[in-house]
PDB file of N, CA and C in Angstrom:
ATOM      1  N   MET A   1       0.742  -1.211  -0.053  1.00  0.00           N
ATOM      2  CA  MET A   1      -0.049   0.000   0.023  1.00  0.00           C
ATOM      3  C   MET A   1       0.766   1.347   0.009  1.00  0.00           C
ATOM      4  N   LYS A   2       1.911   1.241   0.740  1.00  0.00           N
ATOM      5  CA  LYS A   2       2.820   2.397   0.669  1.00  0.00           C
ATOM      6  C   LYS A   2       3.422   2.560  -0.665  1.00  0.00           C
ATOM      7  N   LYS A   3       3.862   1.696  -1.263  1.00  0.00           N
ATOM      8  CA  LYS A   3       4.376   1.784  -2.641  1.00  0.00           C
ATOM      9  C   LYS A   3       3.508   2.299  -3.806  1.00  0.00           C
ATOM     10  N   PHE A   4       1.975   1.909  -3.398  1.00  0.00           N
ATOM     11  CA  PHE A   4       1.223   2.459  -4.458  1.00  0.00           C
ATOM     12  C   PHE A   4       0.991   3.905  -4.086  1.00  0.00           C
ATOM     13  N   GLY A   5       0.956   4.145  -2.858  1.00  0.00           N
ATOM     14  CA  GLY A   5       0.811   5.910  -2.465  1.00  0.00           C
ATOM     15  C   GLY A   5       2.059   6.565  -3.043  1.00  0.00           C
ATOM     16  N   LEU A   6       3.188   5.788  -2.808  1.00  0.00           N
ATOM     17  CA  LEU A   6       4.422   6.544  -3.408  1.00  0.00           C
ATOM     18  C   LEU A   6       4.278   6.732  -4.991  1.00  0.00           C
ATOM     19  N   ILE A   7       3.945   5.742  -5.713  1.00  0.00           N
ATOM     20  CA  ILE A   7       3.701   5.732  -7.071  1.00  0.00           C
ATOM     21  C   ILE A   7       2.923   6.792  -7.584  1.00  0.00           C
ATOM     22  N   MET A   8       1.764   6.956  -6.736  1.00  0.00           N
ATOM     23  CA  MET A   8       0.709   7.785  -7.127  1.00  0.00           C
ATOM     24  C   MET A   8       1.260   9.361  -6.918  1.00  0.00           C
ATOM     25  N   VAL A   9       1.979   9.429  -5.874  1.00  0.00           N
ATOM     26  CA  VAL A   9       2.466  10.994  -5.655  1.00  0.00           C
ATOM     27  C   VAL A   9       3.264  11.202  -6.545  1.00  0.00           C
ATOM     28  N   SER A  10       4.387  10.237  -6.999  1.00  0.00           N
ATOM     29  CA  SER A  10       5.457  10.705  -7.991  1.00  0.00           C
ATOM     30  C   SER A  10       4.702  10.863  -9.347  1.00  0.00           C
ATOM     31  N   LEU A  11       3.749  10.062  -9.859  1.00  0.00           N
ATOM     32  CA  LEU A  11       2.947  10.205 -11.048  1.00  0.00           C
ATOM     33  C   LEU A  11       2.393  11.795 -10.878  1.00  0.00           C
ATOM     34  N   LEU A  12       1.769  12.256 -10.077  1.00  0.00           N
ATOM     35  CA  LEU A  12       1.089  13.333  -9.859  1.00  0.00           C
ATOM     36  C   LEU A  12       2.114  14.436  -9.899  1.00  0.00           C
ATOM     37  N   LEU A  13       3.315  14.360  -9.354  1.00  0.00           N
ATOM     38  CA  LEU A  13       4.254  15.451  -9.535  1.00  0.00           C
ATOM     39  C   LEU A  13       4.815  15.461 -10.863  1.00  0.00           C
ATOM     40  N   SER A  14       4.970  14.418 -11.528  1.00  0.00           N
ATOM     41  CA  SER A  14       5.611  14.219 -12.799  1.00  0.00           C
ATOM     42  C   SER A  14       4.600  15.042 -13.796  1.00  0.00           C
ATOM     43  N   THR A  15       3.290  14.668 -13.768  1.00  0.00           N
ATOM     44  CA  THR A  15       2.195  15.293 -14.544  1.00  0.00           C
ATOM     45  C   THR A  15       2.250  16.805 -14.262  1.00  0.00           C
ATOM     46  N   MET A  16       2.316  17.213 -13.024  1.00  0.00           N
ATOM     47  CA  MET A  16       2.472  18.654 -12.732  1.00  0.00           C
ATOM     48  C   MET A  16       3.507  19.233 -13.464  1.00  0.00           C
ATOM     49  N   ALA A  17       4.558  18.709 -13.397  1.00  0.00           N
ATOM     50  CA  ALA A  17       5.961  19.205 -13.855  1.00  0.00           C
ATOM     51  C   ALA A  17       5.704  19.346 -15.506  1.00  0.00           C
ATOM     52  N   ILE A  18       5.134  18.429 -16.202  1.00  0.00           N
ATOM     53  CA  ILE A  18       5.045  18.272 -17.561  1.00  0.00           C
ATOM     54  C   ILE A  18       4.349  19.440 -18.086  1.00  0.00           C
ATOM     55  N   PHE A  19       3.060  19.630 -17.367  1.00  0.00           N
ATOM     56  CA  PHE A  19       1.984  20.389 -17.889  1.00  0.00           C
ATOM     57  C   PHE A  19       2.250  21.848 -17.289  1.00  0.00           C
ATOM     58  N   ALA A  20       3.160  22.093 -16.393  1.00  0.00           N
ATOM     59  CA  ALA A  20       3.582  23.504 -15.934  1.00  0.00           C
ATOM     60  C   ALA A  20       3.773  24.290 -17.045  1.00  0.00           C
ATOM     61  N   ASP A  21       3.174  25.702 -16.863  1.00  0.00           N
ATOM     62  CA  ASP A  21       3.638  26.726 -17.735  1.00  0.00           C
ATOM     63  C   ASP A  21       5.022  27.208 -17.686  1.00  0.00           C
ATOM     64  N   ASN A  22       5.479  27.344 -19.032  1.00  0.00           N
ATOM     65  CA  ASN A  22       6.937  27.904 -19.057  1.00  0.00           C
ATOM     66  C   ASN A  22       6.947  29.163 -19.454  1.00  0.00           C
ATOM     67  N   GLU A  23       7.874  30.061 -19.062  1.00  0.00           N
ATOM     68  CA  GLU A  23       7.862  31.302 -19.401  1.00  0.00           C
ATOM     69  C   GLU A  23       9.199  31.792 -19.981  1.00  0.00           C
ATOM     70  N   LYS A  24       9.577  32.334 -21.024  1.00  0.00           N
ATOM     71  CA  LYS A  24      10.794  32.970 -21.547  1.00  0.00           C
ATOM     72  C   LYS A  24      10.734  34.403 -21.644  1.00  0.00           C
ATOM     73  N   VAL A  25      11.875  35.031 -21.303  1.00  0.00           N
ATOM     74  CA  VAL A  25      11.790  36.493 -21.394  1.00  0.00           C
ATOM     75  C   VAL A  25      12.945  36.935 -22.303  1.00  0.00           C
ATOM     76  N   THR A  26      12.579  37.758 -23.213  1.00  0.00           N
ATOM     77  CA  THR A  26      13.349  38.379 -24.348  1.00  0.00           C
ATOM     78  C   THR A  26      13.152  39.813 -24.640  1.00  0.00           C
ATOM     79  N   ARG A  27      14.138  40.565 -25.556  1.00  0.00           N
ATOM     80  CA  ARG A  27      13.710  42.015 -25.715  1.00  0.00           C
ATOM     81  C   ARG A  27      13.535  41.848 -27.324  1.00  0.00           C
ATOM     82  N   ASP A  28      13.756  40.758 -27.900  1.00  0.00           N
ATOM     83  CA  ASP A  28      13.804  40.639 -29.311  1.00  0.00           C
ATOM     84  C   ASP A  28      12.535  40.688 -30.012  1.00  0.00           C
ATOM     85  N   LYS A  29      12.014  41.473 -30.724  1.00  0.00           N
ATOM     86  CA  LYS A  29      10.648  41.728 -31.178  1.00  0.00           C
ATOM     87  C   LYS A  29      10.432  40.930 -32.316  1.00  0.00           C
ATOM     88  N   SER A  30      11.464  40.262 -32.815  1.00  0.00           N
ATOM     89  CA  SER A  30      11.090  39.220 -33.906  1.00  0.00           C
ATOM     90  C   SER A  30      10.613  37.950 -33.389  1.00  0.00           C
ATOM     91  N   VAL A  31      10.540  37.665 -32.371  1.00  0.00           N
ATOM     92  CA  VAL A  31       9.861  36.499 -31.755  1.00  0.00           C
ATOM     93  C   VAL A  31       8.235  36.762 -31.797  1.00  0.00           C
ATOM     94  N   LEU A  32       7.999  37.858 -31.949  1.00  0.00           N
ATOM     95  CA  LEU A  32       6.375  38.140 -31.985  1.00  0.00           C
ATOM     96  C   LEU A  32       5.909  37.840 -33.403  1.00  0.00           C
ATOM     97  N   PRO A  33       4.614  37.358 -33.534  1.00  0.00           N
ATOM     98  CA  PRO A  33       3.773  37.230 -34.690  1.00  0.00           C
ATOM     99  C   PRO A  33       3.829  38.473 -35.528  1.00  0.00           C
ATOM    100  N   ALA A  34       3.876  38.363 -36.731  1.00  0.00           N
ATOM    101  CA  ALA A  34       3.747  39.642 -37.597  1.00  0.00           C
ATOM    102  C   ALA A  34       2.612  40.721 -37.271  1.00  0.00           C
ATOM    103  N   THR A  35       1.519  39.970 -37.017  1.00  0.00           N
ATOM    104  CA  THR A  35       0.301  40.903 -36.377  1.00  0.00           C
ATOM    105  C   THR A  35       0.737  41.652 -35.233  1.00  0.00           C
ATOM    106  N   SER A  36       1.253  41.099 -34.318  1.00  0.00           N
ATOM    107  CA  SER A  36       1.711  41.875 -33.071  1.00  0.00           C
ATOM    108  C   SER A  36       2.547  42.989 -33.458  1.00  0.00           C
ATOM    109  N   GLN A  37       3.659  42.707 -34.200  1.00  0.00           N
ATOM    110  CA  GLN A  37       4.588  43.500 -34.708  1.00  0.00           C
ATOM    111  C   GLN A  37       3.918  44.682 -35.298  1.00  0.00           C
ATOM    112  N   LYS A  38       3.122  44.626 -36.241  1.00  0.00           N
ATOM    113  CA  LYS A  38       2.326  45.738 -36.841  1.00  0.00           C
ATOM    114  C   LYS A  38       1.587  46.480 -35.903  1.00  0.00           C
ATOM    115  N   PHE A  39       0.845  45.805 -34.968  1.00  0.00           N
ATOM    116  CA  PHE A  39      -0.058  46.403 -33.972  1.00  0.00           C
ATOM    117  C   PHE A  39       1.076  47.426 -33.148  1.00  0.00           C
ATOM    118  N   LEU A  40       2.146  47.028 -32.602  1.00  0.00           N
ATOM    119  CA  LEU A  40       3.037  47.797 -31.807  1.00  0.00           C
ATOM    120  C   LEU A  40       3.487  48.963 -32.525  1.00  0.00           C
ATOM    121  N   ALA A  41       3.818  48.746 -33.841  1.00  0.00           N
ATOM    122  CA  ALA A  41       4.460  49.774 -34.776  1.00  0.00           C
ATOM    123  C   ALA A  41       3.445  50.800 -35.010  1.00  0.00           C
ATOM    124  N   ALA A  42       2.164  50.418 -35.146  1.00  0.00           N
ATOM    125  CA  ALA A  42       1.187  51.550 -35.364  1.00  0.00           C
ATOM    126  C   ALA A  42       0.652  52.218 -34.328  1.00  0.00           C
ATOM    127  N   ASN A  43       0.686  51.614 -33.176  1.00  0.00           N
ATOM    128  CA  ASN A  43       0.086  52.342 -31.901  1.00  0.00           C
ATOM    129  C   ASN A  43       1.144  52.662 -30.846  1.00  0.00           C
ATOM    130  N   PHE A  44       2.330  52.231 -30.820  1.00  0.00           N
ATOM    131  CA  PHE A  44       3.287  52.502 -29.689  1.00  0.00           C
ATOM    132  C   PHE A  44       4.783  52.932 -30.358  1.00  0.00           C
ATOM    133  N   THR A  45       4.588  53.697 -31.136  1.00  0.00           N
ATOM    134  CA  THR A  45       5.823  54.095 -31.908  1.00  0.00           C
ATOM    135  C   THR A  45       6.893  55.011 -31.128  1.00  0.00           C
ATOM    136  N   GLN A  46       6.443  55.736 -30.096  1.00  0.00           N
ATOM    137  CA  GLN A  46       7.070  56.593 -29.028  1.00  0.00           C
ATOM    138  C   GLN A  46       7.557  55.806 -28.007  1.00  0.00           C
ATOM    139  N   THR A  47       7.509  54.354 -27.849  1.00  0.00           N
ATOM    140  CA  THR A  47       7.817  53.781 -26.723  1.00  0.00           C
ATOM    141  C   THR A  47       8.711  52.653 -26.906  1.00  0.00           C
ATOM    142  N   ASP A  48       9.605  52.382 -26.233  1.00  0.00           N
ATOM    143  CA  ASP A  48      10.469  51.138 -26.224  1.00  0.00           C
ATOM    144  C   ASP A  48      10.019  50.053 -25.455  1.00  0.00           C
ATOM    145  N   ILE A  49      10.209  48.842 -26.035  1.00  0.00           N
ATOM    146  CA  ILE A  49       9.938  47.896 -25.191  1.00  0.00           C
ATOM    147  C   ILE A  49      11.105  47.091 -24.213  1.00  0.00           C
ATOM    148  N   SER A  50      10.459  47.176 -23.114  1.00  0.00           N
ATOM    149  CA  SER A  50      11.384  46.792 -21.809  1.00  0.00           C
ATOM    150  C   SER A  50      11.511  45.295 -21.973  1.00  0.00           C
ATOM    151  N   HIS A  51      10.600  44.453 -22.113  1.00  0.00           N
ATOM    152  CA  HIS A  51      10.777  43.095 -22.296  1.00  0.00           C
ATOM    153  C   HIS A  51       9.667  42.264 -22.732  1.00  0.00           C
ATOM    154  N   ILE A  52       9.723  41.032 -23.182  1.00  0.00           N
ATOM    155  CA  ILE A  52       8.532  40.401 -23.952  1.00  0.00           C
ATOM    156  C   ILE A  52       8.640  38.879 -23.117  1.00  0.00           C
ATOM    157  N   LYS A  53       7.613  38.759 -22.534  1.00  0.00           N
ATOM    158  CA  LYS A  53       7.399  37.371 -21.922  1.00  0.00           C
ATOM    159  C   LYS A  53       6.566  36.417 -22.969  1.00  0.00           C
ATOM    160  N   ILE A  54       7.313  35.224 -23.151  1.00  0.00           N
ATOM    161  CA  ILE A  54       6.606  34.309 -24.011  1.00  0.00           C
ATOM    162  C   ILE A  54       6.054  33.105 -23.179  1.00  0.00           C
ATOM    163  N   GLU A  55       4.826  33.070 -23.175  1.00  0.00           N
ATOM    164  CA  GLU A  55       4.121  32.002 -22.267  1.00  0.00           C
ATOM    165  C   GLU A  55       3.908  30.838 -23.219  1.00  0.00           C
ATOM    166  N   SER A  56       4.347  29.697 -22.655  1.00  0.00           N
ATOM    167  CA  SER A  56       4.205  28.339 -23.444  1.00  0.00           C
ATOM    168  C   SER A  56       3.947  27.155 -22.487  1.00  0.00           C
ATOM    169  N   ASN A  57       3.339  26.262 -23.108  1.00  0.00           N
ATOM    170  CA  ASN A  57       3.123  24.922 -22.265  1.00  0.00           C
ATOM    171  C   ASN A  57       3.583  23.725 -23.099  1.00  0.00           C
ATOM    172  N   LEU A  58       3.378  22.660 -22.783  1.00  0.00           N
ATOM    173  CA  LEU A  58       3.780  21.475 -23.486  1.00  0.00           C
ATOM    174  C   LEU A  58       3.135  21.557 -24.949  1.00  0.00           C
ATOM    175  N   LEU A  59       2.084  22.172 -25.301  1.00  0.00           N
ATOM    176  CA  LEU A  59       1.435  22.050 -26.553  1.00  0.00           C
ATOM    177  C   LEU A  59       2.008  23.186 -27.524  1.00  0.00           C
ATOM    178  N   GLY A  60       2.681  24.074 -26.952  1.00  0.00           N
ATOM    179  CA  GLY A  60       3.207  25.174 -27.775  1.00  0.00           C
ATOM    180  C   GLY A  60       3.227  26.627 -26.863  1.00  0.00           C
ATOM    181  N   THR A  61       3.303  27.655 -27.772  1.00  0.00           N
ATOM    182  CA  THR A  61       3.058  28.861 -27.399  1.00  0.00           C
ATOM    183  C   THR A  61       1.576  29.272 -27.020  1.00  0.00           C
ATOM    184  N   LYS A  62       1.351  29.811 -25.756  1.00  0.00           N
ATOM    185  CA  LYS A  62       0.099  30.204 -25.463  1.00  0.00           C
ATOM    186  C   LYS A  62      -0.115  31.631 -25.861  1.00  0.00           C
ATOM    187  N   GLY A  63       0.919  32.570 -25.503  1.00  0.00           N
ATOM    188  CA  GLY A  63       0.640  33.801 -26.035  1.00  0.00           C
ATOM    189  C   GLY A  63       1.981  34.678 -25.486  1.00  0.00           C
ATOM    190  N   TYR A  64       1.914  36.109 -25.607  1.00  0.00           N
ATOM    191  CA  TYR A  64       2.928  37.044 -25.301  1.00  0.00           C
ATOM    192  C   TYR A  64       2.528  38.091 -24.497  1.00  0.00           C
ATOM    193  N   ASP A  65       3.231  38.660 -23.636  1.00  0.00           N
ATOM    194  CA  ASP A  65       3.050  39.564 -22.919  1.00  0.00           C
ATOM    195  C   ASP A  65       4.203  40.690 -23.033  1.00  0.00           C
ATOM    196  N   VAL A  66       3.755  41.819 -23.728  1.00  0.00           N
ATOM    197  CA  VAL A  66       4.870  42.747 -24.061  1.00  0.00           C
ATOM    198  C   VAL A  66       4.827  43.857 -23.048  1.00  0.00           C
ATOM    199  N   ILE A  67       5.859  44.263 -22.444  1.00  0.00           N
ATOM    200  CA  ILE A  67       5.769  45.181 -21.457  1.00  0.00           C
ATOM    201  C   ILE A  67       6.628  46.442 -21.928  1.00  0.00           C
ATOM    202  N   MET A  68       6.223  47.622 -21.929  1.00  0.00           N
ATOM    203  CA  MET A  68       6.954  48.741 -22.510  1.00  0.00           C
ATOM    204  C   MET A  68       7.505  49.619 -21.373  1.00  0.00           C
ATOM    205  N   THR A  69       8.484  50.433 -21.779  1.00  0.00           N
ATOM    206  CA  THR A  69       9.481  51.098 -20.682  1.00  0.00           C
ATOM    207  C   THR A  69       8.560  52.067 -20.093  1.00  0.00           C
ATOM    208  N   ASN A  70       7.315  52.489 -20.558  1.00  0.00           N
ATOM    209  CA  ASN A  70       6.557  53.547 -19.858  1.00  0.00           C
ATOM    210  C   ASN A  70       5.504  52.926 -18.907  1.00  0.00           C
ATOM    211  N   GLY A  71       5.597  51.548 -18.752  1.00  0.00           N
ATOM    212  CA  GLY A  71       4.563  50.790 -17.923  1.00  0.00           C
ATOM    213  C   GLY A  71       3.328  50.250 -18.489  1.00  0.00           C
ATOM    214  N   VAL A  72       3.245  50.401 -19.852  1.00  0.00           N
ATOM    215  CA  VAL A  72       2.036  49.699 -20.642  1.00  0.00           C
ATOM    216  C   VAL A  72       2.445  48.300 -20.930  1.00  0.00           C
ATOM    217  N   SER A  73       1.427  47.401 -20.660  1.00  0.00           N
ATOM    218  CA  SER A  73       1.590  45.952 -20.767  1.00  0.00           C
ATOM    219  C   SER A  73       0.494  45.620 -21.889  1.00  0.00           C
ATOM    220  N   VAL A  74       0.876  45.028 -23.040  1.00  0.00           N
ATOM    221  CA  VAL A  74      -0.011  44.584 -24.170  1.00  0.00           C
ATOM    222  C   VAL A  74       0.131  42.972 -24.040  1.00  0.00           C
ATOM    223  N   GLU A  75      -1.002  42.252 -23.906  1.00  0.00           N
ATOM    224  CA  GLU A  75      -1.040  40.809 -23.990  1.00  0.00           C
ATOM    225  C   GLU A  75      -1.618  40.386 -25.409  1.00  0.00           C
ATOM    226  N   PHE A  76      -0.774  39.590 -25.970  1.00  0.00           N
ATOM    227  CA  PHE A  76      -1.234  39.118 -27.278  1.00  0.00           C
ATOM    228  C   PHE A  76      -1.569  37.484 -27.272  1.00  0.00           C
ATOM    229  N   ASP A  77      -2.431  36.889 -28.141  1.00  0.00           N
ATOM    230  CA  ASP A  77      -2.593  35.428 -28.103  1.00  0.00           C
ATOM    231  C   ASP A  77      -1.642  34.883 -28.910  1.00  0.00           C
ATOM    232  N   LYS A  78      -1.738  33.723 -29.302  1.00  0.00           N
ATOM    233  CA  LYS A  78      -0.578  32.907 -29.903  1.00  0.00           C
ATOM    234  C   LYS A  78      -0.678  33.386 -31.402  1.00  0.00           C
ATOM    235  N   SER A  79      -1.681  33.868 -31.800  1.00  0.00           N
ATOM    236  CA  SER A  79      -1.617  34.222 -33.315  1.00  0.00           C
ATOM    237  C   SER A  79      -1.340  35.669 -33.503  1.00  0.00           C
ATOM    238  N   GLY A  80      -1.212  36.568 -32.520  1.00  0.00           N
ATOM    239  CA  GLY A  80      -0.767  37.761 -32.424  1.00  0.00           C
ATOM    240  C   GLY A  80      -1.778  38.925 -32.367  1.00  0.00           C
ATOM    241  N   GLU A  81      -2.892  38.521 -32.099  1.00  0.00           N
ATOM    242  CA  GLU A  81      -3.978  39.369 -31.878  1.00  0.00           C
ATOM    243  C   GLU A  81      -3.965  39.848 -30.428  1.00  0.00           C
ATOM    244  N   TRP A  82      -4.256  41.209 -30.208  1.00  0.00           N
ATOM    245  CA  TRP A  82      -4.084  41.731 -28.804  1.00  0.00           C
ATOM    246  C   TRP A  82      -5.327  41.349 -28.074  1.00  0.00           C
ATOM    247  N   GLU A  83      -5.055  40.992 -26.705  1.00  0.00           N
ATOM    248  CA  GLU A  83      -6.204  40.563 -25.846  1.00  0.00           C
ATOM    249  C   GLU A  83      -6.479  41.607 -24.793  1.00  0.00           C
ATOM    250  N   GLU A  84      -5.394  42.042 -24.177  1.00  0.00           N
ATOM    251  CA  GLU A  84      -5.697  43.078 -23.133  1.00  0.00           C
ATOM    252  C   GLU A  84      -4.414  44.152 -23.063  1.00  0.00           C
ATOM    253  N   ILE A  85      -4.800  45.320 -22.762  1.00  0.00           N
ATOM    254  CA  ILE A  85      -3.797  46.502 -22.667  1.00  0.00           C
ATOM    255  C   ILE A  85      -4.099  47.106 -21.347  1.00  0.00           C
ATOM    256  N   GLU A  86      -3.027  47.156 -20.656  1.00  0.00           N
ATOM    257  CA  GLU A  86      -3.012  47.710 -19.233  1.00  0.00           C
ATOM    258  C   GLU A  86      -1.785  48.912 -19.261  1.00  0.00           C
ATOM    259  N   ALA A  87      -2.187  50.213 -18.591  1.00  0.00           N
ATOM    260  CA  ALA A  87      -1.174  51.103 -18.385  1.00  0.00           C
ATOM    261  C   ALA A  87      -1.220  51.534 -16.859  1.00  0.00           C
ATOM    262  N   ARG A  88       0.084  51.475 -16.445  1.00  0.00           N
ATOM    263  CA  ARG A  88       0.176  52.029 -14.948  1.00  0.00           C
ATOM    264  C   ARG A  88       0.411  53.413 -15.004  1.00  0.00           C
ATOM    265  N   HIS A  89       1.584  53.962 -15.737  1.00  0.00           N
ATOM    266  CA  HIS A  89       1.837  55.227 -15.501  1.00  0.00           C
ATOM    267  C   HIS A  89       1.583  56.055 -16.964  1.00  0.00           C
ATOM    268  N   ALA A  90       1.046  55.573 -17.811  1.00  0.00           N
ATOM    269  CA  ALA A  90       0.763  56.252 -18.941  1.00  0.00           C
ATOM    270  C   ALA A  90      -0.770  55.933 -19.524  1.00  0.00           C
ATOM    271  N   SER A  91      -1.100  56.488 -20.699  1.00  0.00           N
ATOM    272  CA  SER A  91      -2.401  56.224 -21.183  1.00  0.00           C
ATOM    273  C   SER A  91      -2.148  55.364 -22.544  1.00  0.00           C
ATOM    274  N   ILE A  92      -3.437  54.829 -22.753  1.00  0.00           N
ATOM    275  CA  ILE A  92      -3.506  53.924 -23.907  1.00  0.00           C
ATOM    276  C   ILE A  92      -3.940  54.742 -25.024  1.00  0.00           C
ATOM    277  N   PRO A  93      -3.363  54.705 -26.192  1.00  0.00           N
ATOM    278  CA  PRO A  93      -3.817  55.366 -27.370  1.00  0.00           C
ATOM    279  C   PRO A  93      -5.292  54.978 -27.865  1.00  0.00           C
ATOM    280  N   LEU A  94      -5.997  56.018 -28.107  1.00  0.00           N
ATOM    281  CA  LEU A  94      -7.365  55.875 -28.567  1.00  0.00           C
ATOM    282  C   LEU A  94      -7.363  55.089 -29.935  1.00  0.00           C
ATOM    283  N   SER A  95      -6.327  55.005 -30.505  1.00  0.00           N
ATOM    284  CA  SER A  95      -6.209  54.316 -31.894  1.00  0.00           C
ATOM    285  C   SER A  95      -6.386  52.740 -31.639  1.00  0.00           C
ATOM    286  N   VAL A  96      -6.305  52.211 -30.554  1.00  0.00           N
ATOM    287  CA  VAL A  96      -6.391  50.771 -30.472  1.00  0.00           C
ATOM    288  C   VAL A  96      -7.828  50.415 -30.147  1.00  0.00           C
ATOM    289  N   LEU A  97      -8.668  51.302 -29.797  1.00  0.00           N
ATOM    290  CA  LEU A  97     -10.072  51.123 -29.417  1.00  0.00           C
ATOM    291  C   LEU A  97     -11.014  51.086 -30.766  1.00  0.00           C
ATOM    292  N   PRO A  98     -12.058  50.415 -30.808  1.00  0.00           N
ATOM    293  CA  PRO A  98     -13.063  50.737 -31.923  1.00  0.00           C
ATOM    294  C   PRO A  98     -13.245  52.223 -32.205  1.00  0.00           C
ATOM    295  N   GLN A  99     -13.503  52.464 -33.357  1.00  0.00           N
ATOM    296  CA  GLN A  99     -13.707  53.931 -33.816  1.00  0.00           C
ATOM    297  C   GLN A  99     -14.739  54.586 -33.148  1.00  0.00           C
ATOM    298  N   LYS A 100     -15.934  53.803 -32.767  1.00  0.00           N
ATOM    299  CA  LYS A 100     -17.246  54.545 -32.180  1.00  0.00           C
ATOM    300  C   LYS A 100     -16.731  54.706 -30.586  1.00  0.00           C
ATOM    301  N   ILE A 101     -15.949  53.983 -30.060  1.00  0.00           N
ATOM    302  CA  ILE A 101     -15.732  54.109 -28.550  1.00  0.00           C
ATOM    303  C   ILE A 101     -14.774  55.079 -28.628  1.00  0.00           C
ATOM    304  N   ALA A 102     -13.780  55.249 -29.452  1.00  0.00           N
ATOM    305  CA  ALA A 102     -12.719  56.389 -29.492  1.00  0.00           C
ATOM    306  C   ALA A 102     -13.394  57.783 -29.681  1.00  0.00           C
ATOM    307  N   ASP A 103     -14.464  57.859 -30.499  1.00  0.00           N
ATOM    308  CA  ASP A 103     -15.084  59.121 -30.786  1.00  0.00           C
ATOM    309  C   ASP A 103     -15.768  59.430 -29.572  1.00  0.00           C
ATOM    310  N   TYR A 104     -16.521  58.664 -28.981  1.00  0.00           N
ATOM    311  CA  TYR A 104     -17.345  58.899 -27.951  1.00  0.00           C
ATOM    312  C   TYR A 104     -16.330  59.404 -26.704  1.00  0.00           C
ATOM    313  N   LEU A 105     -15.372  58.915 -26.429  1.00  0.00           N
ATOM    314  CA  LEU A 105     -14.398  59.162 -25.656  1.00  0.00           C
ATOM    315  C   LEU A 105     -13.958  60.630 -25.782  1.00  0.00           C
ATOM    316  N   ARG A 106     -13.536  60.876 -27.025  1.00  0.00           N
ATOM    317  CA  ARG A 106     -12.940  62.173 -27.414  1.00  0.00           C
ATOM    318  C   ARG A 106     -14.061  63.337 -27.291  1.00  0.00           C
ATOM    319  N   LYS A 107     -15.290  63.032 -27.552  1.00  0.00           N
ATOM    320  CA  LYS A 107     -16.405  63.891 -27.489  1.00  0.00           C
ATOM    321  C   LYS A 107     -16.849  64.156 -25.840  1.00  0.00           C
ATOM    322  N   ASN A 108     -17.080  63.121 -25.036  1.00  0.00           N
ATOM    323  CA  ASN A 108     -17.595  63.231 -23.867  1.00  0.00           C
ATOM    324  C   ASN A 108     -16.756  63.399 -22.765  1.00  0.00           C
ATOM    325  N   PHE A 109     -15.354  62.936 -22.868  1.00  0.00           N
ATOM    326  CA  PHE A 109     -14.296  62.859 -21.861  1.00  0.00           C
ATOM    327  C   PHE A 109     -13.023  63.281 -22.583  1.00  0.00           C
ATOM    328  N   PRO A 110     -12.833  64.550 -23.039  1.00  0.00           N
ATOM    329  CA  PRO A 110     -11.640  65.037 -23.608  1.00  0.00           C
ATOM    330  C   PRO A 110     -10.394  65.038 -22.818  1.00  0.00           C
ATOM    331  N   ASP A 111     -10.647  65.202 -21.434  1.00  0.00           N
ATOM    332  CA  ASP A 111      -9.717  65.359 -20.577  1.00  0.00           C
ATOM    333  C   ASP A 111      -9.201  64.163 -19.849  1.00  0.00           C
ATOM    334  N   ASN A 112      -9.885  63.115 -20.131  1.00  0.00           N
ATOM    335  CA  ASN A 112      -9.541  61.854 -19.227  1.00  0.00           C
ATOM    336  C   ASN A 112      -8.710  60.957 -20.398  1.00  0.00           C
ATOM    337  N   THR A 113      -7.843  59.898 -19.529  1.00  0.00           N
ATOM    338  CA  THR A 113      -7.054  58.983 -20.522  1.00  0.00           C
ATOM    339  C   THR A 113      -7.721  57.615 -20.258  1.00  0.00           C
ATOM    340  N   VAL A 114      -7.500  56.610 -21.059  1.00  0.00           N
ATOM    341  CA  VAL A 114      -7.721  55.158 -20.868  1.00  0.00           C
ATOM    342  C   VAL A 114      -6.542  54.568 -20.494  1.00  0.00           C
ATOM    343  N   ILE A 115      -6.790  53.802 -19.312  1.00  0.00           N
ATOM    344  CA  ILE A 115      -5.826  53.066 -18.722  1.00  0.00           C
ATOM    345  C   ILE A 115      -5.764  51.492 -19.007  1.00  0.00           C
ATOM    346  N   SER A 116      -7.021  50.868 -19.469  1.00  0.00           N
ATOM    347  CA  SER A 116      -7.111  49.606 -19.609  1.00  0.00           C
ATOM    348  C   SER A 116      -8.179  49.296 -20.698  1.00  0.00           C
ATOM    349  N   GLY A 117      -8.039  48.207 -21.350  1.00  0.00           N
ATOM    350  CA  GLY A 117      -8.765  47.846 -22.572  1.00  0.00           C
ATOM    351  C   GLY A 117      -8.606  46.462 -22.870  1.00  0.00           C
ATOM    352  N   ARG A 118      -9.862  45.861 -23.306  1.00  0.00           N
ATOM    353  CA  ARG A 118      -9.796  44.379 -23.466  1.00  0.00           C
ATOM    354  C   ARG A 118     -10.485  44.046 -24.892  1.00  0.00           C
TER     355      ARG A 118
END
């Protein structure tokens, strides 16, 4: 019975280690999909990239988290489409938002800034 319990615990730990998320960090923009690179070039030209976290698991890449030097963080899925943007010490450009929402914000809240988007 003790052997069975030991085997089960070791199998559980092995499975957890195999399926654990792995994360790599780089500054090389070329690791990003072309869609992500175009998005960053179009909307964040004035900001440098601090680092890029590549999130992966056993099945491949899950996504990318790009952190800018001004505190803006952009999360991309594995195909390069943005999923979430957060800003700590800066604002998010209105160009990333749908046109109707951006127009509404410009008209009704001209002095406010956007700090998060999904």
